[in-house]
Protein backbone atom coordinates (compact mmCIF):
# COMPACT_ATOMS: atom_id res chain seq x y z
CA MET A 1 -31.26 172.32 72.64
CA GLU A 2 -30.84 168.74 71.46
CA LEU A 3 -28.40 166.50 73.33
CA HIS A 4 -27.56 162.83 72.95
CA VAL A 5 -27.36 161.45 76.49
CA ASN A 6 -26.39 157.82 77.03
CA GLY A 7 -27.50 157.00 73.48
CA GLU A 8 -30.88 158.74 73.77
CA THR A 9 -31.76 161.97 71.96
CA LEU A 10 -33.23 164.50 74.37
CA HIS A 11 -34.61 168.00 73.87
CA PHE A 12 -34.21 170.75 76.46
CA ALA A 13 -36.04 174.07 76.55
CA LYS A 14 -32.89 175.91 77.66
CA ASP A 15 -30.61 177.37 75.01
CA THR A 16 -27.62 177.34 77.34
CA MET A 17 -26.70 174.62 79.82
CA THR A 18 -23.64 173.47 81.68
CA MET A 19 -22.71 169.91 82.52
CA LEU A 20 -23.75 170.63 86.10
CA ASP A 21 -27.21 171.77 84.89
CA LEU A 22 -27.59 168.46 83.06
CA LEU A 23 -26.62 166.41 86.11
CA GLU A 24 -29.08 168.40 88.22
CA ALA A 25 -31.82 167.73 85.64
CA TYR A 26 -31.16 164.00 86.14
CA ASP A 27 -30.95 164.47 89.94
CA ILE A 28 -27.40 163.08 89.94
CA GLU A 29 -24.89 164.39 92.48
CA GLU A 30 -21.72 165.52 90.74
CA LYS A 31 -19.49 163.73 93.25
CA VAL A 32 -20.85 160.29 92.23
CA ALA A 33 -20.79 160.81 88.46
CA ALA A 34 -18.26 160.32 85.70
CA VAL A 35 -19.08 162.25 82.53
CA GLU A 36 -17.84 162.19 78.96
CA LYS A 37 -18.63 164.94 76.43
CA ASN A 38 -17.98 164.12 72.78
CA LYS A 39 -15.60 161.30 73.80
CA GLU A 40 -13.62 163.49 76.23
CA ILE A 41 -13.70 162.88 79.98
CA ILE A 42 -14.75 165.99 81.91
CA ARG A 43 -13.17 166.61 85.32
CA LYS A 44 -15.63 167.06 88.18
CA THR A 45 -14.12 170.45 88.95
CA ASP A 46 -15.05 171.58 85.43
CA TYR A 47 -18.74 170.55 85.41
CA SER A 48 -20.02 174.03 86.26
CA GLN A 49 -17.86 175.66 83.56
CA THR A 50 -18.40 173.08 80.80
CA ASN A 51 -20.97 174.52 78.42
CA LEU A 52 -23.11 172.16 76.39
CA GLU A 53 -23.91 172.82 72.75
CA ASP A 54 -26.65 171.58 70.47
CA GLY A 55 -25.80 168.08 69.24
CA ASP A 56 -23.28 167.21 71.98
CA ARG A 57 -22.93 163.53 72.85
CA ILE A 58 -22.86 162.93 76.58
CA GLU A 59 -22.24 159.71 78.48
CA ILE A 60 -23.02 159.70 82.20
CA VAL A 61 -22.07 156.92 84.60
CA HIS A 62 -23.12 157.35 88.20
CA PHE A 63 -22.29 155.18 91.14
CA VAL A 64 -24.84 153.86 93.58
CA GLY A 65 -23.86 152.51 96.98
CA GLY A 66 -25.41 149.45 98.44
CA GLY A 67 -24.67 146.23 100.09
């Protein structure tokens, strides 16, 4: 599967993935991420049910605490 993530084209061996699978691949906790799929904001409660398709454009913003 080919996905465009944050402007970078990436290839994944899996044929089926959810948004949650993608976040886990990046080691990003879902509670600290905001995600857009094909210019549509995805609600956190929908990450595990949002299927990704070949060619999808994904933008991920994750928040890091610090001080």
